[in-house]
Protein backbone atom coordinates (compact mmCIF):
# COMPACT_ATOMS: atom_id res chain seq x y z
CA UNK A 1 -30.95 -10.03 -22.78
CA UNK A 2 -31.92 -11.16 -19.30
CA UNK A 3 -31.10 -11.14 -15.62
CA UNK A 4 -28.87 -14.22 -15.70
CA UNK A 5 -28.58 -15.01 -19.42
CA UNK A 6 -26.58 -12.54 -21.49
CA UNK A 7 -26.84 -9.57 -19.10
CA UNK A 8 -26.34 -6.04 -20.49
CA UNK A 9 -23.09 -4.08 -20.17
CA UNK A 10 -24.64 -1.51 -17.82
CA UNK A 11 -22.46 -2.46 -14.85
CA UNK A 12 -19.18 -2.06 -16.71
CA UNK A 13 -20.41 1.07 -18.48
CA UNK A 14 -21.08 2.66 -15.07
CA UNK A 15 -17.54 1.82 -13.94
CA UNK A 16 -16.04 3.52 -16.99
CA UNK A 17 -18.35 6.52 -16.72
CA UNK A 18 -17.17 7.21 -13.17
CA UNK A 19 -13.69 7.93 -14.49
CA UNK A 20 -10.33 7.10 -12.88
CA UNK A 21 -10.61 3.59 -14.33
CA UNK A 22 -7.48 1.47 -14.05
CA UNK A 23 -7.37 -0.63 -17.19
CA UNK A 24 -7.41 -4.33 -16.27
CA UNK A 25 -8.89 -5.44 -19.59
CA UNK A 26 -5.90 -7.67 -20.41
CA UNK A 27 -7.46 -10.22 -18.06
CA UNK A 28 -9.70 -10.93 -21.06
CA UNK A 29 -6.63 -11.99 -23.07
CA UNK A 30 -6.07 -14.74 -20.51
CA UNK A 31 -9.69 -15.97 -20.48
CA UNK A 32 -9.73 -15.90 -24.29
CA UNK A 33 -6.55 -18.00 -24.39
CA UNK A 34 -8.11 -20.80 -22.32
CA UNK A 35 -11.62 -20.74 -23.80
CA UNK A 36 -12.84 -24.26 -24.73
CA UNK A 37 -9.51 -25.78 -23.64
CA UNK A 38 -8.71 -28.10 -20.77
CA UNK A 39 -7.91 -24.96 -18.71
CA UNK A 40 -11.19 -23.18 -19.43
CA UNK A 41 -12.34 -23.21 -15.78
CA UNK A 42 -10.84 -20.33 -13.75
CA UNK A 43 -11.30 -19.52 -10.06
CA UNK A 44 -9.63 -16.27 -9.00
CA UNK A 45 -10.09 -15.63 -5.27
CA UNK A 46 -8.99 -12.52 -3.40
CA UNK A 47 -10.16 -10.32 -0.50
CA UNK A 48 -12.94 -7.78 -0.38
CA UNK A 49 -12.03 -4.43 -1.91
CA UNK A 50 -9.66 -6.00 -4.44
CA UNK A 51 -11.77 -5.43 -7.56
CA UNK A 52 -13.47 -8.81 -7.93
CA UNK A 53 -16.85 -7.41 -8.97
CA UNK A 54 -15.25 -4.96 -11.42
CA UNK A 55 -13.58 -7.85 -13.26
CA UNK A 56 -16.87 -9.77 -13.33
CA UNK A 57 -18.73 -6.79 -14.82
CA UNK A 58 -16.00 -6.40 -17.43
CA UNK A 59 -16.15 -10.06 -18.47
CA UNK A 60 -19.93 -9.96 -18.66
CA UNK A 61 -19.81 -6.87 -20.87
CA UNK A 62 -17.18 -8.41 -23.13
CA UNK A 63 -18.60 -11.90 -23.65
CA UNK A 64 -22.37 -11.37 -23.39
CA UNK A 65 -24.02 -11.89 -26.78
CA UNK A 66 -26.60 -9.19 -26.10
CA UNK A 67 -24.30 -6.53 -24.63
CA UNK A 68 -23.15 -4.73 -27.83
CA UNK A 69 -20.17 -3.25 -25.99
CA UNK A 70 -17.52 -2.65 -28.65
CA UNK A 71 -17.46 1.07 -27.90
CA UNK A 72 -16.64 0.34 -24.23
CA UNK A 73 -13.48 -1.59 -25.10
CA UNK A 74 -12.15 0.19 -28.17
CA UNK A 75 -9.83 2.44 -26.11
CA UNK A 76 -8.73 -0.24 -23.62
CA UNK A 77 -5.62 -2.40 -23.75
CA UNK A 78 -7.46 -5.55 -24.81
CA UNK A 79 -8.48 -3.90 -28.11
CA UNK A 80 -4.80 -4.10 -29.10
CA UNK A 81 -4.32 -7.70 -28.01
CA UNK A 82 -1.43 -9.14 -30.03
CA UNK A 83 -3.14 -12.53 -30.26
CA UNK A 84 -5.89 -10.98 -32.35
CA UNK A 85 -8.75 -12.65 -30.48
CA UNK A 86 -10.37 -9.46 -29.24
CA UNK A 87 -13.01 -9.27 -31.96
CA UNK A 88 -13.34 -13.03 -32.29
CA UNK A 89 -15.06 -13.36 -28.90
CA UNK A 90 -16.44 -9.84 -28.36
CA UNK A 91 -20.18 -10.28 -27.61
CA UNK A 92 -20.11 -13.75 -29.14
CA UNK A 93 -20.84 -15.97 -26.12
CA UNK A 94 -23.99 -16.99 -24.30
CA UNK A 95 -23.16 -15.87 -20.77
CA UNK A 96 -24.78 -17.11 -17.59
CA UNK A 97 -24.08 -14.69 -14.74
CA UNK A 98 -24.75 -15.83 -11.16
CA UNK A 99 -24.29 -13.43 -8.25
CA UNK A 100 -24.47 -15.78 -5.26
CA UNK A 101 -24.84 -12.98 -2.68
CA UNK A 102 -27.88 -11.73 -4.59
CA UNK A 103 -29.51 -15.16 -4.45
CA UNK A 104 -28.81 -15.38 -0.71
CA UNK A 105 -30.29 -11.94 -0.03
CA UNK A 106 -33.53 -12.69 -1.92
CA UNK A 107 -34.07 -16.22 -0.58
CA UNK A 108 -36.82 -16.59 1.99
CA UNK A 109 -34.61 -19.13 3.72
CA UNK A 110 -30.88 -19.55 3.05
CA UNK A 111 -31.48 -23.30 2.89
CA UNK A 112 -33.44 -22.72 -0.32
CA UNK A 113 -30.67 -20.80 -2.06
CA UNK A 114 -29.41 -23.69 -4.21
CA UNK A 115 -32.95 -24.56 -5.32
CA UNK A 116 -33.65 -20.89 -6.06
CA UNK A 117 -30.55 -20.61 -8.25
CA UNK A 118 -31.56 -23.54 -10.41
CA UNK A 119 -35.26 -22.69 -10.54
CA UNK A 120 -34.78 -19.02 -11.48
CA UNK A 121 -32.09 -19.65 -14.09
CA UNK A 122 -33.95 -22.55 -15.72
CA UNK A 123 -37.09 -20.40 -15.92
CA UNK A 124 -35.17 -17.74 -17.85
CA UNK A 125 -33.55 -20.35 -20.08
CA UNK A 126 -36.97 -21.81 -20.98
CA UNK A 127 -38.07 -18.41 -22.27
CA UNK A 128 -34.89 -17.89 -24.27
CA UNK A 129 -34.74 -21.42 -25.71
CA UNK A 130 -38.36 -22.57 -26.10
CA UNK A 131 -38.89 -26.27 -26.57
CA UNK A 132 -35.35 -27.21 -25.56
CA UNK A 133 -35.75 -28.03 -21.86
CA UNK A 134 -37.96 -30.99 -20.98
CA UNK A 135 -40.79 -30.64 -18.51
CA UNK A 136 -39.92 -31.43 -14.93
CA UNK A 137 -36.19 -30.70 -15.29
CA UNK A 138 -34.92 -29.10 -12.07
CA UNK A 139 -31.16 -29.54 -12.42
CA UNK A 140 -29.39 -26.66 -14.14
CA UNK A 141 -26.75 -28.96 -15.65
CA UNK A 142 -29.46 -31.05 -17.34
CA UNK A 143 -31.14 -27.93 -18.71
CA UNK A 144 -27.88 -26.66 -20.23
CA UNK A 145 -27.08 -30.06 -21.71
CA UNK A 146 -30.54 -30.32 -23.29
CA UNK A 147 -30.17 -26.83 -24.81
CA UNK A 148 -26.82 -27.87 -26.26
CA UNK A 149 -28.30 -31.03 -27.79
CA UNK A 150 -31.05 -29.02 -29.50
CA UNK A 151 -29.04 -25.95 -30.55
CA UNK A 152 -25.33 -26.79 -30.28
CA UNK A 153 -24.84 -23.79 -27.97
CA UNK A 154 -22.36 -23.68 -25.11
CA UNK A 155 -22.33 -21.29 -22.17
CA UNK A 156 -19.69 -19.13 -20.53
CA UNK A 157 -20.55 -19.17 -16.82
CA UNK A 158 -19.52 -16.28 -14.58
CA UNK A 159 -20.05 -16.67 -10.82
CA UNK A 160 -19.47 -13.72 -8.50
CA UNK A 161 -18.80 -14.42 -4.78
CA UNK A 162 -18.84 -18.15 -5.45
CA UNK A 163 -18.01 -18.89 -1.79
CA UNK A 164 -20.73 -16.68 -0.25
CA UNK A 165 -22.74 -19.70 0.91
CA UNK A 166 -19.69 -21.09 2.70
CA UNK A 167 -19.35 -17.77 4.49
CA UNK A 168 -23.01 -17.02 5.20
CA UNK A 169 -24.09 -20.60 5.98
CA UNK A 170 -20.76 -21.68 7.42
CA UNK A 171 -22.34 -24.02 9.95
CA UNK A 172 -24.93 -25.54 7.61
CA UNK A 173 -23.24 -28.54 6.02
CA UNK A 174 -26.43 -29.57 4.22
CA UNK A 175 -26.56 -26.31 2.27
CA UNK A 176 -22.85 -26.50 1.52
CA UNK A 177 -23.11 -30.06 0.22
CA UNK A 178 -26.06 -29.15 -2.03
CA UNK A 179 -24.14 -26.18 -3.42
CA UNK A 180 -20.97 -28.17 -4.10
CA UNK A 181 -23.13 -30.80 -5.79
CA UNK A 182 -24.56 -28.11 -8.08
CA UNK A 183 -21.07 -26.89 -8.98
CA UNK A 184 -19.83 -30.42 -9.55
CA UNK A 185 -22.73 -31.18 -11.87
CA UNK A 186 -21.73 -28.16 -13.95
CA UNK A 187 -17.96 -28.31 -13.84
CA UNK A 188 -16.92 -31.84 -12.89
CA UNK A 189 -19.00 -33.90 -15.27
CA UNK A 190 -18.37 -35.96 -18.38
CA UNK A 191 -20.65 -33.51 -20.23
CA UNK A 192 -18.98 -30.28 -19.00
CA UNK A 193 -17.12 -29.71 -22.27
CA UNK A 194 -20.36 -30.17 -24.23
CA UNK A 195 -22.34 -27.47 -22.46
CA UNK A 196 -19.66 -25.04 -21.22
CA UNK A 197 -17.11 -23.04 -23.22
CA UNK A 198 -15.51 -21.49 -20.14
CA UNK A 199 -16.08 -20.37 -16.56
CA UNK A 200 -14.79 -17.60 -14.34
CA UNK A 201 -15.50 -17.72 -10.60
CA UNK A 202 -14.44 -15.12 -8.10
CA UNK A 203 -14.70 -15.08 -4.32
CA UNK A 204 -12.66 -14.68 -1.16
CA UNK A 205 -11.84 -18.32 -0.48
CA UNK A 206 -10.23 -20.91 -2.76
CA UNK A 207 -12.31 -23.91 -3.74
CA UNK A 208 -13.33 -25.96 -0.72
CA UNK A 209 -11.19 -28.97 0.17
CA UNK A 210 -12.46 -32.31 1.35
CA UNK A 211 -9.52 -34.00 3.01
CA UNK A 212 -6.58 -33.16 0.77
CA UNK A 213 -8.58 -32.89 -2.47
CA UNK A 214 -10.34 -29.92 -4.04
CA UNK A 215 -14.08 -30.31 -4.55
CA UNK A 216 -13.62 -29.02 -8.12
CA UNK A 217 -10.30 -30.39 -9.31
CA UNK A 218 -10.64 -29.19 -12.91
CA UNK A 219 -10.51 -25.51 -11.94
CA UNK A 220 -7.29 -23.57 -12.39
CA UNK A 221 -7.01 -21.66 -9.12
CA UNK A 222 -5.37 -18.29 -8.54
CA UNK A 223 -5.24 -17.11 -4.92
CA UNK A 224 -3.54 -14.65 -2.58
CA UNK A 225 -1.11 -17.47 -1.78
CA UNK A 226 -0.31 -18.01 -5.45
CA UNK A 227 -1.95 -15.74 -8.07
CA UNK A 228 0.34 -17.09 -10.79
CA UNK A 229 -0.11 -15.53 -14.21
CA UNK A 230 -2.96 -13.34 -12.92
CA UNK A 231 -0.88 -11.56 -10.24
CA UNK A 232 -1.15 -8.13 -11.86
CA UNK A 233 -4.95 -8.43 -11.85
CA UNK A 234 -5.17 -9.17 -8.11
CA UNK A 235 -5.21 -5.42 -7.37
CA UNK A 236 -3.49 -2.22 -8.46
CA UNK A 237 0.16 -2.57 -9.41
CA UNK A 238 2.85 -0.28 -8.06
CA UNK A 239 3.15 1.46 -11.42
CA UNK A 240 -0.59 2.10 -11.54
CA UNK A 241 -0.60 3.57 -8.03
CA UNK A 242 2.42 5.71 -8.81
CA UNK A 243 0.65 7.10 -11.89
CA UNK A 244 -2.48 7.90 -9.85
CA UNK A 245 -0.42 9.67 -7.19
CA UNK A 246 1.35 11.74 -9.84
CA UNK A 247 -1.88 12.67 -11.60
CA UNK A 248 -3.78 13.59 -8.44
CA UNK A 249 -0.95 15.11 -6.39
CA UNK A 250 -0.57 12.45 -3.67
CA UNK A 251 2.66 11.43 -1.94
CA UNK A 252 3.53 8.01 -3.37
CA UNK A 253 5.74 7.08 -0.40
CA UNK A 254 2.81 7.68 1.95
CA UNK A 255 0.56 5.63 -0.31
CA UNK A 256 3.11 2.84 -0.11
CA UNK A 257 3.29 3.03 3.70
CA UNK A 258 -0.48 2.97 4.06
CA UNK A 259 -1.52 0.45 1.43
CA UNK A 260 1.46 -1.53 0.04
CA UNK A 261 2.71 -4.87 1.33
CA UNK A 262 1.05 -7.54 -0.80
CA UNK A 263 3.51 -9.00 -3.27
CA UNK A 264 4.08 -12.25 -5.10
CA UNK A 265 6.83 -14.39 -6.60
CA UNK A 266 7.53 -12.06 -9.47
CA UNK A 267 8.09 -9.19 -7.02
CA UNK A 268 4.88 -7.55 -8.13
CA UNK A 269 3.58 -5.27 -5.43
CA UNK A 270 -0.21 -5.14 -5.28
CA UNK A 271 -2.36 -2.48 -3.60
CA UNK A 272 -6.03 -2.86 -2.69
CA UNK A 273 -8.01 -0.77 -5.21
CA UNK A 274 -10.74 0.39 -2.83
CA UNK A 275 -8.41 2.17 -0.42
CA UNK A 276 -6.29 3.72 -3.17
CA UNK A 277 -9.34 5.13 -4.94
CA UNK A 278 -10.77 6.46 -1.68
CA UNK A 279 -7.46 8.17 -0.92
CA UNK A 280 -7.48 9.76 -4.38
CA UNK A 281 -11.10 10.89 -4.12
CA UNK A 282 -10.72 12.23 -0.57
CA UNK A 283 -7.17 13.51 -1.09
CA UNK A 284 -6.31 11.93 2.24
CA UNK A 285 -4.50 8.81 3.43
CA UNK A 286 -6.60 7.07 6.03
CA UNK A 287 -8.01 3.72 7.07
CA UNK A 288 -10.77 2.95 4.57
CA UNK A 289 -10.94 -0.72 5.51
CA UNK A 290 -13.79 -0.20 7.98
CA UNK A 291 -16.02 1.13 5.20
CA UNK A 292 -16.35 -2.40 3.84
CA UNK A 293 -15.33 -4.62 6.74
CA UNK A 294 -15.49 -4.14 10.50
CA UNK A 295 -12.81 -5.42 12.81
CA UNK A 296 -15.35 -7.82 14.33
CA UNK A 297 -14.52 -10.57 11.84
CA UNK A 298 -10.80 -10.18 12.49
CA UNK A 299 -11.36 -10.18 16.25
CA UNK A 300 -13.20 -13.51 15.97
CA UNK A 301 -10.10 -15.23 14.63
CA UNK A 302 -7.66 -13.43 16.92
CA UNK A 303 -9.68 -14.64 19.91
CA UNK A 304 -9.22 -18.30 18.95
CA UNK A 305 -6.96 -19.83 21.57
CA UNK A 306 -4.63 -21.90 19.41
CA UNK A 307 -1.18 -22.55 20.80
CA UNK A 308 1.38 -20.14 19.36
CA UNK A 309 -1.19 -17.74 17.88
CA UNK A 310 -0.51 -15.11 20.57
CA UNK A 311 3.26 -15.09 19.97
CA UNK A 312 2.77 -14.97 16.20
CA UNK A 313 0.49 -11.94 16.46
CA UNK A 314 2.85 -10.13 18.84
CA UNK A 315 5.75 -10.73 16.44
CA UNK A 316 3.78 -9.45 13.47
CA UNK A 317 2.48 -6.39 15.31
CA UNK A 318 6.12 -5.64 16.01
CA UNK A 319 6.84 -5.72 12.30
CA UNK A 320 8.16 -9.25 12.06
CA UNK A 321 7.13 -12.26 10.00
CA UNK A 322 5.91 -15.70 10.96
CA UNK A 323 6.46 -18.97 9.11
CA UNK A 324 3.34 -21.05 8.41
CA UNK A 325 2.24 -24.27 6.74
CA UNK A 326 -0.60 -23.14 4.47
CA UNK A 327 -1.29 -26.64 3.19
CA UNK A 328 -3.44 -27.71 6.14
CA UNK A 329 -6.11 -25.03 5.51
CA UNK A 330 -9.38 -26.55 4.26
CA UNK A 331 -10.52 -23.38 2.45
CA UNK A 332 -13.45 -22.66 4.73
CA UNK A 333 -14.09 -20.62 7.85
CA UNK A 334 -15.01 -23.43 10.22
CA UNK A 335 -12.42 -26.20 9.78
CA UNK A 336 -9.77 -24.30 11.73
CA UNK A 337 -7.57 -26.63 13.75
CA UNK A 338 -4.33 -24.74 14.29
CA UNK A 339 -2.73 -21.32 14.30
CA UNK A 340 -1.51 -22.02 10.75
CA UNK A 341 -5.11 -22.47 9.59
CA UNK A 342 -6.11 -19.15 11.18
CA UNK A 343 -3.15 -17.27 9.71
CA UNK A 344 -3.76 -18.78 6.25
CA UNK A 345 -7.39 -17.71 6.39
CA UNK A 346 -6.26 -14.18 7.29
CA UNK A 347 -4.14 -14.16 4.12
CA UNK A 348 -7.21 -14.93 2.02
CA UNK A 349 -9.18 -12.26 3.89
CA UNK A 350 -6.46 -9.70 3.13
CA UNK A 351 -5.44 -9.11 6.75
CA UNK A 352 -2.03 -10.74 6.18
CA UNK A 353 0.35 -10.87 3.24
CA UNK A 354 2.21 -14.02 2.24
CA UNK A 355 5.78 -14.48 1.03
CA UNK A 356 5.58 -17.77 -0.86
CA UNK A 357 9.34 -18.06 -1.23
CA UNK A 358 9.91 -18.02 2.52
CA UNK A 359 6.42 -19.33 3.44
CA UNK A 360 6.01 -16.41 5.86
CA UNK A 361 3.07 -14.18 6.73
CA UNK A 362 3.16 -10.59 7.92
CA UNK A 363 0.96 -7.52 8.40
CA UNK A 364 1.27 -5.73 5.06
CA UNK A 365 0.75 -2.04 5.80
CA UNK A 366 -0.39 0.71 8.16
CA UNK A 367 -4.07 0.45 7.24
CA UNK A 368 -4.30 -3.24 8.09
CA UNK A 369 -2.13 -2.81 11.16
CA UNK A 370 -4.66 -0.32 12.54
CA UNK A 371 -7.35 -2.95 12.13
CA UNK A 372 -5.26 -5.49 14.04
CA UNK A 373 -4.67 -3.04 16.87
CA UNK A 374 -8.37 -2.20 17.06
CA UNK A 375 -9.33 -5.86 17.10
CA UNK A 376 -6.72 -6.76 19.71
CA UNK A 377 -7.64 -3.92 22.05
CA UNK A 378 -11.32 -4.88 21.94
CA UNK A 379 -10.93 -8.65 21.90
CA UNK A 380 -10.94 -11.33 24.54
CA UNK A 381 -7.20 -11.96 24.30
CA UNK A 382 -6.32 -9.54 27.07
CA UNK A 383 -2.68 -10.64 27.09
CA UNK A 384 -2.41 -9.13 23.59
CA UNK A 385 -4.08 -5.90 24.67
CA UNK A 386 -1.69 -5.80 27.63
CA UNK A 387 1.33 -6.18 25.33
CA UNK A 388 0.22 -3.19 23.27
CA UNK A 389 -0.55 -1.06 26.34
CA UNK A 390 2.86 -1.91 27.77
CA UNK A 391 4.53 -1.01 24.50
CA UNK A 392 2.81 2.39 24.60
CA UNK A 393 4.31 2.93 28.05
CA UNK A 394 7.73 1.80 26.84
CA UNK A 395 7.76 4.26 23.94
CA UNK A 396 6.55 7.06 26.22
CA UNK A 397 9.30 6.29 28.75
CA UNK A 398 11.91 6.27 25.99
CA UNK A 399 10.79 9.64 24.65
CA UNK A 400 10.90 11.02 28.21
CA UNK A 401 14.44 9.59 28.46
CA UNK A 402 13.47 7.58 31.54
CA UNK A 403 16.01 4.77 31.28
CA UNK A 404 15.01 3.13 34.56
CA UNK A 405 11.38 2.80 33.40
CA UNK A 406 12.52 1.37 30.07
CA UNK A 407 14.59 -1.24 31.91
CA UNK A 408 11.68 -2.13 34.20
CA UNK A 409 9.29 -2.64 31.28
CA UNK A 410 11.81 -4.82 29.47
CA UNK A 411 11.99 -6.89 32.67
CA UNK A 412 8.23 -7.47 32.38
CA UNK A 413 8.54 -8.56 28.76
CA UNK A 414 11.40 -10.89 29.58
CA UNK A 415 9.57 -12.33 32.57
CA UNK A 416 6.52 -13.25 30.53
CA UNK A 417 8.62 -15.04 27.93
CA UNK A 418 7.44 -13.02 24.97
CA UNK A 419 9.22 -14.48 21.94
CA UNK A 420 11.75 -15.97 22.13
CA UNK A 421 10.88 -17.96 25.24
CA UNK A 422 14.49 -18.42 26.33
CA UNK A 423 17.06 -16.00 24.99
CA UNK A 424 20.74 -16.44 25.57
CA UNK A 425 22.58 -14.06 23.28
CA UNK A 426 22.54 -10.53 21.92
CA UNK A 427 20.66 -11.52 18.76
CA UNK A 428 17.81 -12.97 20.82
CA UNK A 429 17.83 -9.85 23.02
CA UNK A 430 17.24 -7.81 19.87
CA UNK A 431 14.15 -9.93 19.13
CA UNK A 432 12.72 -9.25 22.58
CA UNK A 433 13.36 -5.50 22.34
CA UNK A 434 11.72 -5.34 18.89
CA UNK A 435 8.63 -7.05 20.24
CA UNK A 436 8.54 -4.68 23.19
CA UNK A 437 8.60 -1.64 20.89
CA UNK A 438 5.41 -2.63 19.02
CA UNK A 439 4.02 0.89 19.33
CA UNK A 440 6.92 2.35 17.39
CA UNK A 441 5.32 0.95 14.26
CA UNK A 442 2.58 3.58 14.60
CA UNK A 443 5.06 6.43 14.13
CA UNK A 444 8.31 5.03 12.75
CA UNK A 445 10.01 2.95 10.10
CA UNK A 446 12.27 0.34 11.67
CA UNK A 447 15.68 -0.71 10.36
CA UNK A 448 17.86 -3.48 11.78
CA UNK A 449 21.61 -4.06 11.62
CA UNK A 450 22.41 -1.18 9.29
CA UNK A 451 26.05 -1.01 8.23
CA UNK A 452 28.37 1.91 7.60
CA UNK A 453 32.13 2.39 7.64
CA UNK A 454 32.36 2.39 11.45
CA UNK A 455 30.11 -0.46 12.47
CA UNK A 456 26.55 -1.75 12.67
CA UNK A 457 23.48 -0.19 14.25
CA UNK A 458 21.29 -2.68 16.13
CA UNK A 459 18.02 -0.79 15.75
CA UNK A 460 17.04 2.46 14.12
CA UNK A 461 13.55 3.98 14.23
CA UNK A 462 13.11 6.84 11.73
CA UNK A 463 9.93 8.89 12.30
CA UNK A 464 7.33 9.16 9.54
CA UNK A 465 7.30 12.45 7.67
CA UNK A 466 4.06 13.41 9.44
CA UNK A 467 5.47 12.68 12.93
CA UNK A 468 7.13 15.21 15.24
CA UNK A 469 8.81 12.49 17.29
CA UNK A 470 12.61 12.18 17.37
CA UNK A 471 14.52 9.36 15.71
CA UNK A 472 15.60 6.50 18.00
CA UNK A 473 18.93 4.70 17.83
CA UNK A 474 19.15 1.63 20.07
CA UNK A 475 22.35 -0.27 20.79
CA UNK A 476 22.12 -3.59 22.64
CA UNK A 477 24.75 -5.17 24.84
CA UNK A 478 25.05 -8.53 26.57
CA UNK A 479 26.95 -8.71 29.88
CA UNK A 480 28.54 -5.31 29.27
CA UNK A 481 27.00 -1.93 30.13
CA UNK A 482 24.38 0.55 28.93
CA UNK A 483 26.97 3.34 29.27
CA UNK A 484 29.29 1.40 26.97
CA UNK A 485 26.51 1.09 24.39
CA UNK A 486 25.97 4.87 24.49
CA UNK A 487 29.69 5.53 24.15
CA UNK A 488 29.93 3.23 21.13
CA UNK A 489 27.09 5.04 19.33
CA UNK A 490 28.70 8.43 19.92
CA UNK A 491 32.29 7.40 19.18
CA UNK A 492 31.30 5.73 15.91
CA UNK A 493 28.90 8.51 14.90
CA UNK A 494 25.87 6.23 14.59
CA UNK A 495 23.77 9.34 13.91
CA UNK A 496 24.83 8.93 10.28
CA UNK A 497 22.49 5.94 10.08
CA UNK A 498 19.53 8.30 10.49
CA UNK A 499 21.00 10.98 8.24
CA UNK A 500 21.35 8.55 5.35
CA UNK A 501 17.56 8.36 5.25
CA UNK A 502 17.31 12.13 4.89
CA UNK A 503 16.44 12.67 8.56
CA UNK A 504 17.89 15.85 10.08
CA UNK A 505 16.02 16.24 13.37
CA UNK A 506 16.64 15.26 16.98
CA UNK A 507 17.99 11.77 17.72
CA UNK A 508 17.67 9.85 20.98
CA UNK A 509 20.43 7.35 21.73
CA UNK A 510 19.34 4.43 23.93
CA UNK A 511 21.89 1.95 25.24
CA UNK A 512 20.38 -1.27 26.65
CA UNK A 513 22.31 -4.01 28.44
CA UNK A 514 21.26 -7.39 29.82
CA UNK A 515 23.22 -8.97 32.65
CA UNK A 516 22.86 -12.75 32.36
CA UNK A 517 24.04 -13.30 35.96
CA UNK A 518 21.65 -10.91 37.68
CA UNK A 519 18.89 -11.33 35.02
CA UNK A 520 18.56 -7.54 34.98
CA UNK A 521 18.32 -4.97 32.21
CA UNK A 522 19.78 -1.48 32.34
CA UNK A 523 19.15 1.44 30.03
CA UNK A 524 20.71 4.84 29.49
CA UNK A 525 19.25 7.46 27.11
CA UNK A 526 20.79 10.66 25.77
CA UNK A 527 19.66 13.27 23.27
CA UNK A 528 21.94 13.98 20.33
């Protein structure tokens, strides 16, 4: 039992002892199924707070030959694995565990990190396998191969925060090249299958690309763009969150509003574990993101002046989605050449969610939206801060029923060509109005083009259960009149749109018209 070789099960034992453990042990069934096969190398990247280190501790406890951890798993799902491999591999592997952030933090100079990794691990291997490693060997891959030749042993390698050097030494290409060379010597070699029975790497970023090729092509990658068969292990599932809310007396719908929004091809909704557990412990829904990540990192990317980035952020702050090409991203934090690269990086960082079917990104929930607003208001992109400040004024004017002020503010938005740049019909007018009402997302749920027996509602804003604000019904007209829009909402009883969501409070009706000849907006507001 050592620091790197066959670590104890203490880390996983501490997780279980804390209680409120969400059982993710079936991840082991997957790693068992690919052990010593041509798919034995797994890289599962996801954002901070999404349980990466918990999964690493679990795998260490399960595979490590010296862990003696049967009692830890006997009541977990994996103990009833239908494939019957649970006991076959339990504490039967020689595990090498490398925490890259730990090596970085203890290095005298970050440039020595790769040398430190190899030196420290080889030193421990010499003690555990005396006489197997030749004198003068400095390459970890050679040491493992020599141990295999002498003993026939293979190693299961677990690497936590594999990409930490790419994040911490993002401008030091020499360190990055040395690190990739180390990984290639272990995992992209003709002798890999001789010395390694499997590998599990976790981090925030996918494996680094060089051009269009991955630096480690033999790895099976699972990411926030495509988690594949491991989707349910990317975070807490909706069923798991619902069970927690029931057990601890929390409102599931509020949990969904605050923390939902990440979902994948199989319609599996995923919640970040850190925030859910904090909400359970504190019995309060709040923004727990800042406890592990400040908005400074987000602000850095928002401030990049790529063409189209501003419009994309405004659309997403207004609750809309933005189509991207994620294929150009080089899987690092420095090779950013377009807005698509920035938005793809934000998916991997957890600030955006990705709909792979439509290839669209969007802000997933209230917690992350608060981070965006904080970053925008304190960033260098003052045009974004201005858009939010103007939206605050627009919502205030609407609630005060000041139709003239609403019309004036919409004139500003139109004049600055906030998306779309040139609108020429009622559908495009709706897009502009939605963008202008960004601040509504702080207090309301937005619904578009709702249908009932008497017509369609253009826009409905239903206040959150914790808000005292009235509901807003907005009807848009093109070359007609704001009074006509109001009359239509009343004659066709559009209030039923709000009632169907269980809302029974005050409703404000806002009729907005755009005159294409005079290029003027008009607005009339009444209380229902």
